[in-house]
Amino acid sequence: MFSFVSRMAALRPNGEVPAPLSRRGFVRHLALGASGAAMALIAACGSSRDKGNDASAEVTVAGADVPATDAAPYHDNDGGFYLVHNDAGVLALSQRCTHQGCTVPWKSGERRFHCPCHGSTFDRNGVRTDGPAKRPLDLLAARVLPNGDVAVSTHQLSQRTGYDPSQAVRYP
């Protein structure tokens, strides 16, 4: 029966026998392989927002949870958005900063969104007021259901350059 090395020598055109793998070489190959496998797994999983890339994924906000006009926004952490109610209607704003993608919390005391990573600030309508972000928070598609609930499409983001009342969906 042939050993592994003899089989390899038989496969090489010049009959050269490969040098045995040292312990250091084995550990290096093992570490590189593990790193490659981890990177492939991360790439395959993607971000939690990309699960399934289902363009029809919707989150329904119960009518009772829709904030009053000019009240603090409703935050849906699983859907990754804020629901803001202003005089024109409701806006579904992405919770991701348009600068580097950090989660932007609502600061009730300041009555604005304030990114903790690099200091960008956004008003109630998601319009940038300060910091390195170059544009407003992204807008998610929303629609009001007949029962007063609001359905937000978590995979339909729109970039915008400012706020216009036509971006809001009329809310009863």
Protein backbone atom coordinates (compact mmCIF):
# COMPACT_ATOMS: atom_id res chain seq x y z
CA MET A 1 0.00 0.00 0.00
CA PHE A 2 1.33 3.43 -0.91
CA SER A 3 1.80 6.15 1.67
CA PHE A 4 0.38 9.62 1.14
CA VAL A 5 3.83 11.00 0.22
CA SER A 6 4.39 8.28 -2.39
CA ARG A 7 1.04 9.05 -3.96
CA MET A 8 1.91 12.76 -4.09
CA ALA A 9 5.29 11.96 -5.65
CA ALA A 10 3.57 9.87 -8.27
CA LEU A 11 1.31 12.81 -9.14
CA ARG A 12 4.17 15.29 -9.55
CA PRO A 13 5.63 15.37 -13.04
CA ASN A 14 9.24 15.65 -11.88
CA GLY A 15 8.92 12.99 -9.16
CA GLU A 16 9.92 15.51 -6.46
CA VAL A 17 8.84 14.51 -2.95
CA PRO A 18 7.35 17.43 -0.96
CA ALA A 19 8.98 18.40 2.32
CA PRO A 20 7.06 17.26 5.39
CA LEU A 21 4.90 19.92 7.01
CA SER A 22 6.42 21.36 10.19
CA ARG A 23 4.38 21.93 13.34
CA ARG A 24 4.63 25.70 12.79
CA GLY A 25 3.48 25.33 9.18
CA PHE A 26 0.56 23.16 10.26
CA VAL A 27 -0.57 25.72 12.86
CA ARG A 28 -0.21 28.54 10.31
CA HIS A 29 -2.34 26.65 7.75
CA LEU A 30 -4.88 25.84 10.44
CA ALA A 31 -5.13 29.50 11.53
CA LEU A 32 -5.44 30.75 7.96
CA GLY A 33 -8.11 28.19 7.20
CA ALA A 34 -10.08 29.08 10.33
CA SER A 35 -9.82 32.80 9.52
CA GLY A 36 -11.02 32.19 5.98
CA ALA A 37 -13.93 30.08 7.20
CA ALA A 38 -14.94 32.77 9.71
CA MET A 39 -14.83 35.48 7.03
CA ALA A 40 -16.90 33.34 4.67
CA LEU A 41 -19.47 32.78 7.41
CA ILE A 42 -19.69 36.50 8.16
CA ALA A 43 -20.09 37.30 4.46
CA ALA A 44 -22.76 34.63 4.04
CA CYS A 45 -24.76 35.81 7.04
CA GLY A 46 -24.64 39.49 6.17
CA SER A 47 -26.19 42.02 8.49
CA SER A 48 -29.39 41.34 10.37
CA ARG A 49 -31.14 43.86 8.11
CA ASP A 50 -30.37 41.71 5.07
CA LYS A 51 -32.06 38.54 6.32
CA GLY A 52 -33.51 36.86 3.30
CA ASN A 53 -33.53 40.13 1.33
CA ASP A 54 -37.31 39.90 1.47
CA ALA A 55 -38.44 43.16 -0.11
CA SER A 56 -41.93 42.63 1.29
CA ALA A 57 -40.85 42.39 4.96
CA GLU A 58 -43.19 44.61 6.96
CA VAL A 59 -43.49 45.53 10.59
CA THR A 60 -46.91 46.63 11.80
CA VAL A 61 -47.11 49.32 14.45
CA ALA A 62 -50.39 49.15 16.33
CA GLY A 63 -52.48 52.32 16.16
CA ALA A 64 -52.25 52.58 19.96
CA ASP A 65 -48.43 52.80 19.65
CA VAL A 66 -48.43 55.56 17.03
CA PRO A 67 -47.19 58.63 18.93
CA ALA A 68 -49.28 61.75 19.24
CA THR A 69 -48.35 64.68 17.04
CA ASP A 70 -45.02 66.12 18.22
CA ALA A 71 -44.61 63.43 20.93
CA ALA A 72 -41.42 61.37 21.23
CA PRO A 73 -41.03 58.95 18.30
CA TYR A 74 -42.06 55.32 18.59
CA HIS A 75 -38.93 53.11 18.33
CA ASP A 76 -39.09 49.65 16.79
CA ASN A 77 -35.67 48.14 17.49
CA ASP A 78 -36.36 44.87 15.65
CA GLY A 79 -37.46 46.73 12.52
CA GLY A 80 -34.66 49.28 12.89
CA PHE A 81 -36.80 52.41 12.62
CA TYR A 82 -38.52 55.27 14.41
CA LEU A 83 -42.10 56.30 13.70
CA VAL A 84 -42.50 60.08 13.95
CA HIS A 85 -45.87 61.83 13.91
CA ASN A 86 -45.88 65.46 12.79
CA ASP A 87 -48.53 67.83 11.39
CA ALA A 88 -48.24 66.29 7.89
CA GLY A 89 -48.61 62.65 9.05
CA VAL A 90 -46.23 59.84 9.99
CA LEU A 91 -42.65 59.25 8.89
CA ALA A 92 -40.76 55.99 9.32
CA LEU A 93 -37.10 56.94 9.79
CA SER A 94 -34.18 54.53 9.75
CA GLN A 95 -32.37 54.29 13.08
CA ARG A 96 -29.01 54.17 11.23
CA CYS A 97 -26.87 57.29 10.97
CA THR A 98 -26.13 58.22 7.38
CA HIS A 99 -22.51 58.93 8.28
CA GLN A 100 -21.19 55.54 9.46
CA GLY A 101 -24.31 53.48 10.19
CA CYS A 102 -24.34 53.75 13.99
CA THR A 103 -27.69 53.40 15.76
CA VAL A 104 -29.00 56.88 16.47
CA PRO A 105 -31.07 57.19 19.66
CA TRP A 106 -33.79 59.76 20.28
CA LYS A 107 -32.81 62.16 23.07
CA SER A 108 -36.05 63.35 24.70
CA GLY A 109 -34.31 66.12 26.66
CA GLU A 110 -32.83 67.54 23.45
CA ARG A 111 -35.88 66.69 21.29
CA ARG A 112 -33.64 65.35 18.55
CA PHE A 113 -31.74 62.28 17.38
CA HIS A 114 -28.11 62.31 18.51
CA CYS A 115 -25.55 59.86 17.09
CA PRO A 116 -23.20 58.70 19.86
CA CYS A 117 -20.42 57.68 17.47
CA HIS A 118 -19.42 60.92 15.74
CA GLY A 119 -21.88 63.52 17.03
CA SER A 120 -24.26 63.97 14.11
CA THR A 121 -27.63 65.33 15.17
CA PHE A 122 -30.99 65.15 13.40
CA ASP A 123 -34.26 66.96 14.08
CA ARG A 124 -37.66 65.25 14.58
CA ASN A 125 -38.06 64.81 10.81
CA GLY A 126 -34.63 63.18 10.52
CA VAL A 127 -32.96 66.20 8.90
CA ARG A 128 -29.28 66.62 9.74
CA THR A 129 -28.66 69.67 11.94
CA ASP A 130 -25.02 69.11 12.90
CA GLY A 131 -22.05 66.75 12.62
CA PRO A 132 -20.30 64.82 9.87
CA ALA A 133 -23.40 63.17 8.35
CA LYS A 134 -24.06 64.70 4.93
CA ARG A 135 -27.75 63.89 4.57
CA PRO A 136 -30.92 63.21 6.58
CA LEU A 137 -31.87 59.84 8.06
CA ASP A 138 -33.20 57.47 5.43
CA LEU A 139 -36.94 57.12 5.01
CA LEU A 140 -38.71 53.75 5.07
CA ALA A 141 -41.89 53.12 3.09
CA ALA A 142 -44.98 53.25 5.31
CA ARG A 143 -48.72 52.96 4.81
CA VAL A 144 -51.68 53.42 7.10
CA LEU A 145 -53.97 50.40 7.34
CA PRO A 146 -57.77 50.80 7.53
CA ASN A 147 -57.76 49.93 11.26
CA GLY A 148 -55.28 52.75 12.06
CA ASP A 149 -52.18 50.56 12.31
CA VAL A 150 -49.10 51.59 10.34
CA ALA A 151 -47.25 49.04 8.18
CA VAL A 152 -43.57 49.85 7.65
CA SER A 153 -41.59 48.13 4.91
CA THR A 154 -38.22 47.51 6.55
CA HIS A 155 -36.41 46.87 3.26
CA GLN A 156 -37.58 49.87 1.25
CA LEU A 157 -35.21 52.68 2.20
CA SER A 158 -35.18 56.02 0.42
CA GLN A 159 -32.31 58.46 0.62
CA ARG A 160 -33.32 62.08 0.68
CA THR A 161 -31.72 65.50 0.71
CA GLY A 162 -34.13 67.19 3.12
CA TYR A 163 -37.63 67.06 4.53
CA ASP A 164 -40.76 67.77 2.55
CA PRO A 165 -44.25 67.30 4.03
CA SER A 166 -45.12 65.06 1.07
CA GLN A 167 -42.74 62.45 2.55
CA ALA A 168 -45.16 61.92 5.45
CA VAL A 169 -48.10 59.53 5.17
CA ARG A 170 -51.39 61.13 6.27
CA TYR A 171 -52.48 59.71 9.59
CA PRO A 172 -56.03 60.08 10.95
